[in-house]
């Protein structure tokens, strides 16, 4: 157990260093002893979550976040070689993820997209400042069963409610898991607007989405 934790910490620390070489070296070291899914969820994802928190606190900057995300993507590709053939090409779910109209904040949402993808979801990140109708159109286009709606400002938070209302009007609400997040969002807000999931950070987003889809099968 201690060896597992040490290997996972090494992977997480490598992600936090934002250096691709360090990440691939730590991942290759862990591959011999740990399952690919364990390395992704408890090493890479844990490190990426810390990167996100350090960015929010001003300890890391945008270039660091982008380098860490790129390193994680490459590491996941390497680990996919170790996964059973039947687990490849079968996404856990199809996710549309974006930031509401009027809000240009991108980083937290991008980290969530990266970690969902790394955890086996098919993810379509539709960017920031996205009109509500575009969320609906993309859900239809990709036949998604999960939508992630990010809002980082109090003034744009109602955009999350608008999208849920549009889903109801379109007759699609019962067919899709709605996840909300962002600095001003809370569990109470998610309950008020009828969202299925409130995710405080990227790790929670992944875990709650897995749980919700598992429970709904």
N, C-alpha and C. Protein backbone atom coordinates (compact mmCIF):
# COMPACT_ATOMS: atom_id res chain seq x y z
N UNK A 1 0.84 -1.21 0.00
CA UNK A 1 0.00 0.00 0.00
C UNK A 1 0.87 1.25 0.00
N UNK A 2 1.90 1.23 0.84
CA UNK A 2 2.79 2.40 0.92
C UNK A 2 3.50 2.64 -0.41
N UNK A 3 3.86 1.53 -1.08
CA UNK A 3 4.54 1.66 -2.37
C UNK A 3 3.59 2.26 -3.42
N UNK A 4 2.33 1.81 -3.40
CA UNK A 4 1.34 2.34 -4.34
C UNK A 4 1.18 3.85 -4.14
N UNK A 5 1.03 4.25 -2.88
CA UNK A 5 0.84 5.68 -2.59
C UNK A 5 2.05 6.50 -3.01
N UNK A 6 3.24 5.93 -2.82
CA UNK A 6 4.47 6.64 -3.20
C UNK A 6 4.54 6.82 -4.72
N UNK A 7 4.17 5.77 -5.46
CA UNK A 7 4.19 5.85 -6.93
C UNK A 7 3.17 6.87 -7.44
N UNK A 8 1.98 6.84 -6.84
CA UNK A 8 0.94 7.79 -7.26
C UNK A 8 1.32 9.22 -6.91
N UNK A 9 1.96 9.41 -5.77
CA UNK A 9 2.40 10.76 -5.38
C UNK A 9 3.46 11.27 -6.35
N UNK A 10 4.33 10.35 -6.79
CA UNK A 10 5.36 10.72 -7.76
C UNK A 10 4.74 11.19 -9.07
N UNK A 11 3.69 10.50 -9.50
CA UNK A 11 2.98 10.89 -10.73
C UNK A 11 2.31 12.25 -10.54
N UNK A 12 1.63 12.42 -9.41
CA UNK A 12 0.94 13.68 -9.14
C UNK A 12 1.94 14.84 -9.06
N UNK A 13 3.04 14.61 -8.37
CA UNK A 13 4.06 15.66 -8.24
C UNK A 13 4.65 16.03 -9.60
N UNK A 14 4.78 15.03 -10.47
CA UNK A 14 5.32 15.28 -11.82
C UNK A 14 4.37 16.19 -12.61
N UNK A 15 3.06 15.93 -12.49
CA UNK A 15 2.08 16.80 -13.15
C UNK A 15 2.19 18.23 -12.61
N UNK A 16 2.33 18.35 -11.30
CA UNK A 16 2.43 19.67 -10.67
C UNK A 16 3.69 20.40 -11.12
N UNK A 17 4.73 19.64 -11.48
CA UNK A 17 5.97 20.26 -11.99
C UNK A 17 5.76 20.85 -13.38
N UNK A 18 4.67 20.41 -14.05
CA UNK A 18 4.31 20.89 -15.40
C UNK A 18 5.35 20.52 -16.45
N UNK A 19 6.16 19.48 -16.18
CA UNK A 19 7.20 19.06 -17.13
C UNK A 19 6.85 17.69 -17.70
N UNK A 20 6.67 17.64 -19.00
CA UNK A 20 6.21 16.42 -19.66
C UNK A 20 7.17 15.26 -19.43
N UNK A 21 8.46 15.52 -19.50
CA UNK A 21 9.44 14.44 -19.31
C UNK A 21 9.30 13.80 -17.93
N UNK A 22 9.12 14.66 -16.92
CA UNK A 22 8.95 14.15 -15.55
C UNK A 22 7.70 13.28 -15.44
N UNK A 23 6.63 13.73 -16.11
CA UNK A 23 5.35 13.01 -16.04
C UNK A 23 5.48 11.63 -16.69
N UNK A 24 6.04 11.59 -17.90
CA UNK A 24 6.16 10.31 -18.61
C UNK A 24 7.09 9.35 -17.87
N UNK A 25 8.13 9.89 -17.26
CA UNK A 25 9.06 9.05 -16.49
C UNK A 25 8.36 8.45 -15.28
N UNK A 26 7.59 9.27 -14.56
CA UNK A 26 6.88 8.78 -13.37
C UNK A 26 5.79 7.78 -13.76
N UNK A 27 5.11 8.03 -14.86
CA UNK A 27 4.06 7.12 -15.33
C UNK A 27 4.65 5.78 -15.73
N UNK A 28 5.74 5.81 -16.48
CA UNK A 28 6.37 4.56 -16.91
C UNK A 28 6.88 3.74 -15.73
N UNK A 29 7.34 4.44 -14.70
CA UNK A 29 7.79 3.76 -13.48
C UNK A 29 6.62 3.07 -12.78
N UNK A 30 5.46 3.75 -12.76
CA UNK A 30 4.29 3.21 -12.07
C UNK A 30 3.61 2.10 -12.85
N UNK A 31 3.76 2.10 -14.17
CA UNK A 31 3.06 1.14 -15.04
C UNK A 31 3.31 -0.32 -14.67
N UNK A 32 4.51 -0.61 -14.21
CA UNK A 32 4.86 -2.00 -13.89
C UNK A 32 4.11 -2.55 -12.70
N UNK A 33 3.67 -1.65 -11.80
CA UNK A 33 3.07 -2.10 -10.54
C UNK A 33 1.59 -1.75 -10.39
N UNK A 34 1.13 -0.73 -11.12
CA UNK A 34 -0.24 -0.27 -10.90
C UNK A 34 -1.08 -0.35 -12.17
N UNK A 35 -2.39 -0.46 -11.99
CA UNK A 35 -3.31 -0.47 -13.13
C UNK A 35 -3.38 0.91 -13.76
N UNK A 36 -3.58 0.93 -15.08
CA UNK A 36 -3.64 2.19 -15.81
C UNK A 36 -4.71 3.12 -15.24
N UNK A 37 -5.89 2.56 -14.93
CA UNK A 37 -6.99 3.39 -14.41
C UNK A 37 -6.64 4.01 -13.07
N UNK A 38 -5.89 3.29 -12.25
CA UNK A 38 -5.46 3.78 -10.94
C UNK A 38 -4.49 4.95 -11.12
N UNK A 39 -3.56 4.81 -12.05
CA UNK A 39 -2.58 5.88 -12.31
C UNK A 39 -3.29 7.13 -12.82
N UNK A 40 -4.27 6.94 -13.71
CA UNK A 40 -4.98 8.08 -14.28
C UNK A 40 -5.79 8.80 -13.20
N UNK A 41 -6.59 8.03 -12.46
CA UNK A 41 -7.52 8.66 -11.52
C UNK A 41 -6.83 9.19 -10.27
N UNK A 42 -5.89 8.43 -9.73
CA UNK A 42 -5.32 8.79 -8.43
C UNK A 42 -3.92 9.40 -8.49
N UNK A 43 -3.34 9.41 -9.71
CA UNK A 43 -2.05 10.06 -9.89
C UNK A 43 -2.18 11.29 -10.75
N UNK A 44 -2.48 11.07 -12.03
CA UNK A 44 -2.57 12.18 -12.98
C UNK A 44 -3.70 13.16 -12.61
N UNK A 45 -4.88 12.63 -12.34
CA UNK A 45 -6.02 13.50 -12.04
C UNK A 45 -5.80 14.26 -10.74
N UNK A 46 -5.24 13.60 -9.75
CA UNK A 46 -4.98 14.27 -8.47
C UNK A 46 -4.00 15.42 -8.67
N UNK A 47 -2.96 15.19 -9.48
CA UNK A 47 -1.99 16.24 -9.76
C UNK A 47 -2.61 17.39 -10.52
N UNK A 48 -3.46 17.06 -11.51
CA UNK A 48 -4.09 18.10 -12.32
C UNK A 48 -5.04 18.94 -11.49
N UNK A 49 -5.70 18.30 -10.55
CA UNK A 49 -6.60 19.03 -9.66
C UNK A 49 -5.82 20.04 -8.82
N UNK A 50 -4.64 19.64 -8.36
CA UNK A 50 -3.79 20.53 -7.58
C UNK A 50 -3.29 21.68 -8.45
N UNK A 51 -2.98 21.38 -9.71
CA UNK A 51 -2.57 22.44 -10.65
C UNK A 51 -3.68 23.48 -10.76
N UNK A 52 -4.92 23.00 -10.90
CA UNK A 52 -6.06 23.91 -11.00
C UNK A 52 -6.20 24.80 -9.77
N UNK A 53 -6.03 24.20 -8.59
CA UNK A 53 -6.16 24.98 -7.36
C UNK A 53 -5.03 26.00 -7.21
N UNK A 54 -3.82 25.60 -7.62
CA UNK A 54 -2.69 26.54 -7.54
C UNK A 54 -2.85 27.68 -8.54
N UNK A 55 -3.45 27.37 -9.69
CA UNK A 55 -3.73 28.43 -10.67
C UNK A 55 -4.71 29.45 -10.08
N UNK A 56 -5.76 28.94 -9.44
CA UNK A 56 -6.77 29.82 -8.85
C UNK A 56 -6.17 30.70 -7.76
N UNK A 57 -5.16 30.17 -7.06
CA UNK A 57 -4.54 30.96 -5.98
C UNK A 57 -3.41 31.85 -6.49
N UNK A 58 -3.14 31.81 -7.79
CA UNK A 58 -2.09 32.65 -8.35
C UNK A 58 -0.69 32.10 -8.17
N UNK A 59 -0.59 30.81 -7.79
CA UNK A 59 0.72 30.18 -7.60
C UNK A 59 1.28 29.63 -8.92
N UNK A 60 0.38 29.30 -9.84
CA UNK A 60 0.78 28.88 -11.18
C UNK A 60 0.05 29.76 -12.20
N UNK A 61 0.60 29.83 -13.41
CA UNK A 61 0.01 30.69 -14.42
C UNK A 61 -0.45 29.88 -15.62
N UNK A 62 -1.15 30.54 -16.54
CA UNK A 62 -1.77 29.84 -17.65
C UNK A 62 -0.82 28.92 -18.42
N UNK A 63 0.39 29.36 -18.76
CA UNK A 63 1.30 28.46 -19.49
C UNK A 63 1.59 27.17 -18.72
N UNK A 64 1.68 27.27 -17.38
CA UNK A 64 1.92 26.07 -16.56
C UNK A 64 0.74 25.10 -16.69
N UNK A 65 -0.47 25.66 -16.62
CA UNK A 65 -1.67 24.82 -16.70
C UNK A 65 -1.73 24.10 -18.05
N UNK A 66 -1.44 24.84 -19.12
CA UNK A 66 -1.48 24.26 -20.46
C UNK A 66 -0.43 23.15 -20.61
N UNK A 67 0.77 23.38 -20.06
CA UNK A 67 1.82 22.36 -20.13
C UNK A 67 1.43 21.11 -19.35
N UNK A 68 0.83 21.32 -18.17
CA UNK A 68 0.41 20.18 -17.35
C UNK A 68 -0.69 19.38 -18.07
N UNK A 69 -1.63 20.09 -18.68
CA UNK A 69 -2.73 19.42 -19.39
C UNK A 69 -2.20 18.63 -20.59
N UNK A 70 -1.24 19.21 -21.29
CA UNK A 70 -0.64 18.52 -22.45
C UNK A 70 0.11 17.27 -22.00
N UNK A 71 0.84 17.40 -20.88
CA UNK A 71 1.58 16.26 -20.34
C UNK A 71 0.62 15.15 -19.91
N UNK A 72 -0.49 15.53 -19.31
CA UNK A 72 -1.48 14.54 -18.88
C UNK A 72 -2.08 13.82 -20.08
N UNK A 73 -2.39 14.56 -21.13
CA UNK A 73 -2.96 13.96 -22.34
C UNK A 73 -2.01 12.93 -22.93
N UNK A 74 -0.73 13.27 -23.01
CA UNK A 74 0.27 12.34 -23.55
C UNK A 74 0.42 11.11 -22.66
N UNK A 75 0.38 11.33 -21.35
CA UNK A 75 0.52 10.22 -20.41
C UNK A 75 -0.66 9.25 -20.52
N UNK A 76 -1.85 9.81 -20.70
CA UNK A 76 -3.05 8.97 -20.84
C UNK A 76 -2.95 8.12 -22.10
N UNK A 77 -2.46 8.70 -23.18
CA UNK A 77 -2.28 7.94 -24.44
C UNK A 77 -1.34 6.77 -24.22
N UNK A 78 -0.28 7.01 -23.47
CA UNK A 78 0.68 5.94 -23.14
C UNK A 78 -0.01 4.84 -22.34
N UNK A 79 -0.81 5.24 -21.37
CA UNK A 79 -1.47 4.27 -20.48
C UNK A 79 -2.57 3.48 -21.18
N UNK A 80 -3.15 4.06 -22.24
CA UNK A 80 -4.20 3.36 -22.97
C UNK A 80 -3.70 2.04 -23.55
N UNK A 81 -2.40 1.96 -23.81
CA UNK A 81 -1.81 0.73 -24.34
C UNK A 81 -1.94 -0.42 -23.32
N UNK A 82 -2.03 -0.06 -22.03
CA UNK A 82 -2.11 -1.08 -20.98
C UNK A 82 -3.54 -1.50 -20.66
N UNK A 83 -4.50 -0.78 -21.21
CA UNK A 83 -5.89 -1.07 -20.88
C UNK A 83 -6.41 -2.24 -21.69
N UNK A 84 -7.33 -3.03 -21.13
CA UNK A 84 -7.90 -4.15 -21.88
C UNK A 84 -8.55 -3.64 -23.17
N UNK A 85 -8.42 -4.41 -24.23
CA UNK A 85 -8.93 -3.99 -25.54
C UNK A 85 -10.42 -3.62 -25.48
N UNK A 86 -11.18 -4.40 -24.70
CA UNK A 86 -12.62 -4.16 -24.67
C UNK A 86 -12.99 -2.84 -23.99
N UNK A 87 -12.05 -2.30 -23.17
CA UNK A 87 -12.36 -1.04 -22.47
C UNK A 87 -12.03 0.17 -23.32
N UNK A 88 -11.36 -0.06 -24.46
CA UNK A 88 -11.04 1.05 -25.35
C UNK A 88 -12.18 1.27 -26.35
N UNK A 89 -12.37 2.48 -26.74
CA UNK A 89 -13.37 2.79 -27.75
C UNK A 89 -14.81 2.70 -27.26
N UNK A 90 -14.98 2.44 -25.98
CA UNK A 90 -16.32 2.38 -25.40
C UNK A 90 -16.40 3.45 -24.33
N UNK A 91 -16.85 4.64 -24.69
CA UNK A 91 -16.88 5.72 -23.70
C UNK A 91 -17.87 5.45 -22.58
N UNK A 92 -17.55 5.93 -21.39
CA UNK A 92 -18.46 5.79 -20.25
C UNK A 92 -19.70 6.65 -20.45
N UNK A 93 -19.54 7.71 -21.24
CA UNK A 93 -20.64 8.62 -21.52
C UNK A 93 -20.15 9.67 -22.51
N UNK A 94 -21.09 10.41 -23.08
CA UNK A 94 -20.75 11.48 -24.03
C UNK A 94 -21.09 12.81 -23.37
N UNK A 95 -20.08 13.66 -23.24
CA UNK A 95 -20.22 14.90 -22.47
C UNK A 95 -20.05 16.13 -23.36
N UNK A 96 -20.99 17.07 -23.24
CA UNK A 96 -20.82 18.42 -23.79
C UNK A 96 -20.43 19.31 -22.62
N UNK A 97 -19.33 20.03 -22.74
CA UNK A 97 -18.84 20.84 -21.62
C UNK A 97 -18.51 22.24 -22.11
N UNK A 98 -19.05 23.26 -21.44
CA UNK A 98 -18.79 24.62 -21.87
C UNK A 98 -19.04 25.63 -20.76
N UNK A 99 -18.64 26.87 -21.02
CA UNK A 99 -18.88 27.99 -20.11
C UNK A 99 -19.98 28.86 -20.69
N UNK A 100 -20.88 29.31 -19.84
CA UNK A 100 -22.08 30.02 -20.29
C UNK A 100 -21.77 31.34 -21.00
N UNK A 101 -22.78 31.81 -21.73
CA UNK A 101 -22.65 33.08 -22.48
C UNK A 101 -22.35 34.24 -21.53
N UNK A 102 -21.44 35.11 -21.97
CA UNK A 102 -21.06 36.27 -21.17
C UNK A 102 -19.91 36.02 -20.23
N UNK A 103 -19.44 34.77 -20.18
CA UNK A 103 -18.37 34.39 -19.26
C UNK A 103 -17.19 33.84 -20.06
N UNK A 104 -16.04 34.49 -19.94
CA UNK A 104 -14.88 34.09 -20.76
C UNK A 104 -13.87 33.26 -19.97
N UNK A 105 -14.24 32.83 -18.76
CA UNK A 105 -13.34 32.01 -17.97
C UNK A 105 -13.31 30.58 -18.53
N UNK A 106 -12.13 29.99 -18.57
CA UNK A 106 -11.95 28.77 -19.35
C UNK A 106 -11.20 27.66 -18.63
N UNK A 107 -10.31 28.03 -17.71
CA UNK A 107 -9.33 27.06 -17.21
C UNK A 107 -9.97 25.92 -16.43
N UNK A 108 -10.81 26.25 -15.44
CA UNK A 108 -11.43 25.19 -14.64
C UNK A 108 -12.21 24.23 -15.49
N UNK A 109 -12.97 24.78 -16.43
CA UNK A 109 -13.77 23.96 -17.33
C UNK A 109 -12.88 23.08 -18.19
N UNK A 110 -11.77 23.62 -18.67
CA UNK A 110 -10.84 22.85 -19.51
C UNK A 110 -10.21 21.70 -18.73
N UNK A 111 -9.91 21.93 -17.46
CA UNK A 111 -9.34 20.87 -16.62
C UNK A 111 -10.37 19.75 -16.42
N UNK A 112 -11.62 20.14 -16.21
CA UNK A 112 -12.69 19.14 -16.08
C UNK A 112 -12.79 18.32 -17.36
N UNK A 113 -12.74 18.99 -18.52
CA UNK A 113 -12.80 18.28 -19.81
C UNK A 113 -11.65 17.29 -19.94
N UNK A 114 -10.45 17.73 -19.61
CA UNK A 114 -9.26 16.88 -19.71
C UNK A 114 -9.40 15.64 -18.83
N UNK A 115 -9.87 15.86 -17.59
CA UNK A 115 -9.95 14.75 -16.65
C UNK A 115 -11.09 13.79 -16.99
N UNK A 116 -12.19 14.31 -17.49
CA UNK A 116 -13.28 13.42 -17.93
C UNK A 116 -12.81 12.56 -19.10
N UNK A 117 -12.10 13.19 -20.02
CA UNK A 117 -11.58 12.46 -21.19
C UNK A 117 -10.60 11.38 -20.75
N UNK A 118 -9.73 11.75 -19.83
CA UNK A 118 -8.73 10.80 -19.34
C UNK A 118 -9.36 9.64 -18.59
N UNK A 119 -10.55 9.87 -18.07
CA UNK A 119 -11.24 8.84 -17.28
C UNK A 119 -12.17 7.97 -18.11
N UNK A 120 -12.17 8.19 -19.44
CA UNK A 120 -12.93 7.29 -20.30
C UNK A 120 -14.20 7.86 -20.90
N UNK A 121 -14.43 9.16 -20.74
CA UNK A 121 -15.60 9.80 -21.35
C UNK A 121 -15.23 10.38 -22.72
N UNK A 122 -16.22 10.42 -23.60
CA UNK A 122 -16.07 11.11 -24.88
C UNK A 122 -16.51 12.55 -24.64
N UNK A 123 -15.59 13.49 -24.76
CA UNK A 123 -15.86 14.87 -24.35
C UNK A 123 -15.78 15.84 -25.53
N UNK A 124 -16.79 16.68 -25.63
CA UNK A 124 -16.78 17.77 -26.62
C UNK A 124 -16.79 19.08 -25.85
N UNK A 125 -15.61 19.71 -25.78
CA UNK A 125 -15.47 20.99 -25.08
C UNK A 125 -15.85 22.09 -26.06
N UNK A 126 -16.97 22.77 -25.80
CA UNK A 126 -17.46 23.77 -26.76
C UNK A 126 -17.02 25.19 -26.42
N UNK A 127 -16.09 25.28 -25.45
CA UNK A 127 -15.44 26.57 -25.20
C UNK A 127 -16.13 27.45 -24.18
N UNK A 128 -15.89 28.74 -24.30
CA UNK A 128 -16.42 29.71 -23.34
C UNK A 128 -17.35 30.70 -24.04
N UNK A 129 -18.10 31.45 -23.25
CA UNK A 129 -19.03 32.45 -23.79
C UNK A 129 -19.98 31.80 -24.80
N UNK A 130 -20.58 30.67 -24.40
CA UNK A 130 -21.41 29.87 -25.30
C UNK A 130 -22.89 30.15 -25.07
N UNK A 131 -23.63 30.59 -26.10
CA UNK A 131 -25.07 30.81 -25.95
C UNK A 131 -25.79 29.54 -25.53
N UNK A 132 -26.87 29.71 -24.77
CA UNK A 132 -27.61 28.57 -24.23
C UNK A 132 -28.08 27.61 -25.34
N UNK A 133 -28.57 28.16 -26.44
CA UNK A 133 -29.08 27.31 -27.51
C UNK A 133 -27.98 26.44 -28.11
N UNK A 134 -26.74 26.94 -28.10
CA UNK A 134 -25.63 26.15 -28.64
C UNK A 134 -25.40 24.89 -27.82
N UNK A 135 -25.60 24.98 -26.49
CA UNK A 135 -25.49 23.78 -25.65
C UNK A 135 -26.51 22.73 -26.13
N UNK A 136 -27.74 23.18 -26.35
CA UNK A 136 -28.81 22.27 -26.77
C UNK A 136 -28.47 21.64 -28.13
N UNK A 137 -28.01 22.49 -29.06
CA UNK A 137 -27.69 22.01 -30.41
C UNK A 137 -26.58 20.96 -30.38
N UNK A 138 -25.56 21.19 -29.54
CA UNK A 138 -24.42 20.26 -29.47
C UNK A 138 -24.83 18.95 -28.79
N UNK A 139 -25.71 19.04 -27.81
CA UNK A 139 -26.20 17.82 -27.16
C UNK A 139 -26.90 16.94 -28.20
N UNK A 140 -27.72 17.57 -29.04
CA UNK A 140 -28.42 16.82 -30.10
C UNK A 140 -27.44 16.27 -31.13
N UNK A 141 -26.48 17.13 -31.53
CA UNK A 141 -25.52 16.74 -32.58
C UNK A 141 -24.72 15.51 -32.19
N UNK A 142 -24.27 15.46 -30.94
CA UNK A 142 -23.40 14.37 -30.51
C UNK A 142 -24.13 13.30 -29.68
N UNK A 143 -25.46 13.46 -29.56
CA UNK A 143 -26.25 12.50 -28.79
C UNK A 143 -25.66 12.32 -27.39
N UNK A 144 -25.37 13.44 -26.74
CA UNK A 144 -24.72 13.42 -25.42
C UNK A 144 -25.70 13.01 -24.34
N UNK A 145 -25.16 12.40 -23.29
CA UNK A 145 -26.00 12.08 -22.13
C UNK A 145 -25.55 12.81 -20.87
N UNK A 146 -24.54 13.69 -21.01
CA UNK A 146 -24.07 14.53 -19.90
C UNK A 146 -23.78 15.93 -20.46
N UNK A 147 -24.15 16.96 -19.70
CA UNK A 147 -23.75 18.32 -20.07
C UNK A 147 -23.14 18.99 -18.84
N UNK A 148 -21.95 19.56 -19.04
CA UNK A 148 -21.27 20.31 -17.99
C UNK A 148 -21.41 21.80 -18.28
N UNK A 149 -21.94 22.55 -17.31
CA UNK A 149 -22.18 23.97 -17.51
C UNK A 149 -21.41 24.76 -16.46
N UNK A 150 -20.42 25.51 -16.92
CA UNK A 150 -19.56 26.27 -16.01
C UNK A 150 -19.94 27.75 -16.03
N UNK A 151 -19.90 28.38 -14.86
CA UNK A 151 -20.08 29.83 -14.74
C UNK A 151 -19.15 30.32 -13.63
N UNK A 152 -18.31 31.28 -13.95
CA UNK A 152 -17.31 31.73 -12.98
C UNK A 152 -17.61 33.09 -12.39
N UNK A 153 -18.72 33.69 -12.79
CA UNK A 153 -19.10 34.99 -12.24
C UNK A 153 -20.54 34.93 -11.74
N UNK A 154 -20.82 35.65 -10.67
CA UNK A 154 -22.18 35.68 -10.13
C UNK A 154 -23.18 36.17 -11.18
N UNK A 155 -22.75 37.11 -12.00
CA UNK A 155 -23.66 37.69 -13.01
C UNK A 155 -24.01 36.70 -14.12
N UNK A 156 -23.15 35.71 -14.35
CA UNK A 156 -23.43 34.74 -15.43
C UNK A 156 -24.04 33.44 -14.90
N UNK A 157 -24.12 33.29 -13.59
CA UNK A 157 -24.65 32.07 -12.98
C UNK A 157 -26.06 31.72 -13.48
N UNK A 158 -26.96 32.72 -13.67
CA UNK A 158 -28.30 32.38 -14.17
C UNK A 158 -28.29 31.68 -15.53
N UNK A 159 -27.18 31.79 -16.27
CA UNK A 159 -27.07 31.09 -17.55
C UNK A 159 -27.21 29.59 -17.40
N UNK A 160 -26.79 29.05 -16.25
CA UNK A 160 -26.93 27.62 -15.99
C UNK A 160 -28.41 27.23 -15.91
N UNK A 161 -29.19 28.07 -15.24
CA UNK A 161 -30.63 27.83 -15.11
C UNK A 161 -31.30 27.91 -16.48
N UNK A 162 -30.86 28.89 -17.30
CA UNK A 162 -31.46 29.07 -18.63
C UNK A 162 -31.30 27.80 -19.48
N UNK A 163 -30.15 27.17 -19.39
CA UNK A 163 -29.89 25.96 -20.19
C UNK A 163 -30.78 24.81 -19.72
N UNK A 164 -30.94 24.68 -18.41
CA UNK A 164 -31.83 23.64 -17.87
C UNK A 164 -33.26 23.88 -18.33
N UNK A 165 -33.70 25.14 -18.34
CA UNK A 165 -35.05 25.45 -18.80
C UNK A 165 -35.22 25.11 -20.28
N UNK A 166 -34.18 25.39 -21.08
CA UNK A 166 -34.23 25.05 -22.51
C UNK A 166 -34.31 23.54 -22.72
N UNK A 167 -33.58 22.80 -21.88
CA UNK A 167 -33.63 21.33 -21.97
C UNK A 167 -35.05 20.83 -21.70
N UNK A 168 -35.70 21.45 -20.71
CA UNK A 168 -37.08 21.07 -20.39
C UNK A 168 -38.01 21.38 -21.57
N UNK A 169 -37.85 22.60 -22.13
CA UNK A 169 -38.69 23.01 -23.25
C UNK A 169 -38.49 22.10 -24.47
N UNK A 170 -37.26 21.60 -24.62
CA UNK A 170 -36.94 20.73 -25.76
C UNK A 170 -37.35 19.29 -25.54
N UNK A 171 -37.85 18.99 -24.32
CA UNK A 171 -38.24 17.61 -24.00
C UNK A 171 -37.05 16.69 -23.78
N UNK A 172 -35.86 17.29 -23.48
CA UNK A 172 -34.62 16.50 -23.36
C UNK A 172 -34.14 16.34 -21.92
N UNK A 173 -34.80 17.03 -20.98
CA UNK A 173 -34.25 17.09 -19.62
C UNK A 173 -34.08 15.72 -18.98
N UNK A 174 -35.03 14.83 -19.20
CA UNK A 174 -34.97 13.52 -18.54
C UNK A 174 -33.90 12.60 -19.12
N UNK A 175 -33.35 12.97 -20.27
CA UNK A 175 -32.38 12.10 -20.94
C UNK A 175 -30.93 12.51 -20.73
N UNK A 176 -30.72 13.56 -19.93
CA UNK A 176 -29.34 14.06 -19.81
C UNK A 176 -29.01 14.41 -18.37
N UNK A 177 -27.78 14.07 -17.96
CA UNK A 177 -27.27 14.42 -16.63
C UNK A 177 -26.69 15.83 -16.72
N UNK A 178 -27.19 16.72 -15.88
CA UNK A 178 -26.72 18.12 -15.89
C UNK A 178 -25.78 18.35 -14.71
N UNK A 179 -24.56 18.78 -15.03
CA UNK A 179 -23.56 19.09 -14.01
C UNK A 179 -23.23 20.58 -14.06
N UNK A 180 -23.22 21.23 -12.90
CA UNK A 180 -22.86 22.65 -12.85
C UNK A 180 -21.65 22.84 -11.93
N UNK A 181 -20.89 23.89 -12.22
CA UNK A 181 -19.73 24.20 -11.40
C UNK A 181 -19.27 25.62 -11.66
N UNK A 182 -18.21 26.01 -10.95
CA UNK A 182 -17.69 27.36 -11.06
C UNK A 182 -17.70 28.02 -9.70
N UNK A 183 -16.87 29.03 -9.53
CA UNK A 183 -16.67 29.65 -8.22
C UNK A 183 -17.95 30.06 -7.48
N UNK A 184 -18.92 30.71 -8.14
CA UNK A 184 -20.11 31.14 -7.40
C UNK A 184 -21.16 30.05 -7.21
N UNK A 185 -21.00 28.93 -7.90
CA UNK A 185 -21.99 27.84 -7.80
C UNK A 185 -21.85 27.12 -6.46
N UNK A 186 -22.96 26.60 -5.97
CA UNK A 186 -22.99 25.85 -4.71
C UNK A 186 -23.97 24.68 -4.86
N UNK A 187 -23.93 23.78 -3.89
CA UNK A 187 -24.89 22.67 -3.90
C UNK A 187 -26.31 23.21 -3.80
N UNK A 188 -26.51 24.25 -2.97
CA UNK A 188 -27.84 24.84 -2.80
C UNK A 188 -28.35 25.41 -4.12
N UNK A 189 -27.46 26.07 -4.88
CA UNK A 189 -27.83 26.62 -6.18
C UNK A 189 -28.18 25.50 -7.16
N UNK A 190 -27.37 24.45 -7.17
CA UNK A 190 -27.63 23.31 -8.05
C UNK A 190 -29.00 22.70 -7.74
N UNK A 191 -29.32 22.56 -6.45
CA UNK A 191 -30.62 22.02 -6.05
C UNK A 191 -31.75 22.94 -6.50
N UNK A 192 -31.53 24.24 -6.35
CA UNK A 192 -32.56 25.23 -6.69
C UNK A 192 -32.92 25.19 -8.18
N UNK A 193 -31.92 25.06 -9.04
CA UNK A 193 -32.18 25.11 -10.48
C UNK A 193 -32.45 23.72 -11.08
N UNK A 194 -32.32 22.69 -10.25
CA UNK A 194 -32.65 21.33 -10.71
C UNK A 194 -31.53 20.62 -11.44
N UNK A 195 -30.25 20.98 -11.13
CA UNK A 195 -29.11 20.26 -11.71
C UNK A 195 -28.95 18.92 -11.01
N UNK A 196 -28.35 17.96 -11.70
CA UNK A 196 -28.13 16.63 -11.12
C UNK A 196 -26.86 16.56 -10.28
N UNK A 197 -25.85 17.33 -10.69
CA UNK A 197 -24.55 17.25 -10.05
C UNK A 197 -24.01 18.66 -9.81
N UNK A 198 -23.48 18.90 -8.61
CA UNK A 198 -22.66 20.09 -8.35
C UNK A 198 -21.24 19.60 -8.12
N UNK A 199 -20.30 20.12 -8.89
CA UNK A 199 -18.91 19.67 -8.76
C UNK A 199 -18.03 20.84 -8.32
N UNK A 200 -17.44 20.68 -7.15
CA UNK A 200 -16.57 21.74 -6.60
C UNK A 200 -15.23 21.79 -7.32
N UNK A 201 -14.76 20.63 -7.80
CA UNK A 201 -13.50 20.60 -8.54
C UNK A 201 -13.55 19.47 -9.56
N UNK A 202 -12.47 19.34 -10.33
CA UNK A 202 -12.46 18.39 -11.44
C UNK A 202 -12.55 16.93 -10.99
N UNK A 203 -11.88 16.58 -9.91
CA UNK A 203 -11.93 15.20 -9.42
C UNK A 203 -13.34 14.80 -9.01
N UNK A 204 -14.00 15.73 -8.31
CA UNK A 204 -15.38 15.48 -7.89
C UNK A 204 -16.28 15.36 -9.12
N UNK A 205 -16.03 16.19 -10.13
CA UNK A 205 -16.82 16.15 -11.37
C UNK A 205 -16.76 14.76 -11.99
N UNK A 206 -15.57 14.20 -12.07
CA UNK A 206 -15.39 12.87 -12.66
C UNK A 206 -16.10 11.81 -11.82
N UNK A 207 -15.85 11.83 -10.52
CA UNK A 207 -16.42 10.79 -9.65
C UNK A 207 -17.95 10.83 -9.61
N UNK A 208 -18.51 12.04 -9.51
CA UNK A 208 -19.97 12.16 -9.44
C UNK A 208 -20.63 11.78 -10.76
N UNK A 209 -19.97 12.11 -11.87
CA UNK A 209 -20.53 11.76 -13.18
C UNK A 209 -20.55 10.24 -13.34
N UNK A 210 -19.46 9.59 -12.95
CA UNK A 210 -19.41 8.11 -13.00
C UNK A 210 -20.51 7.50 -12.14
N UNK A 211 -20.67 8.02 -10.94
CA UNK A 211 -21.68 7.49 -10.01
C UNK A 211 -23.08 7.68 -10.59
N UNK A 212 -23.33 8.86 -11.13
CA UNK A 212 -24.67 9.17 -11.64
C UNK A 212 -25.02 8.27 -12.83
N UNK A 213 -24.10 8.10 -13.74
CA UNK A 213 -24.37 7.27 -14.90
C UNK A 213 -24.49 5.80 -14.51
N UNK A 214 -23.69 5.39 -13.54
CA UNK A 214 -23.77 4.01 -13.05
C UNK A 214 -25.11 3.72 -12.40
N UNK A 215 -25.59 4.72 -11.67
CA UNK A 215 -26.86 4.56 -10.96
C UNK A 215 -28.04 4.60 -11.89
N UNK A 216 -27.85 5.28 -13.05
CA UNK A 216 -28.99 5.46 -13.95
C UNK A 216 -29.12 4.35 -14.98
N UNK A 217 -28.14 3.41 -14.98
CA UNK A 217 -28.18 2.32 -15.98
C UNK A 217 -29.22 1.29 -15.59
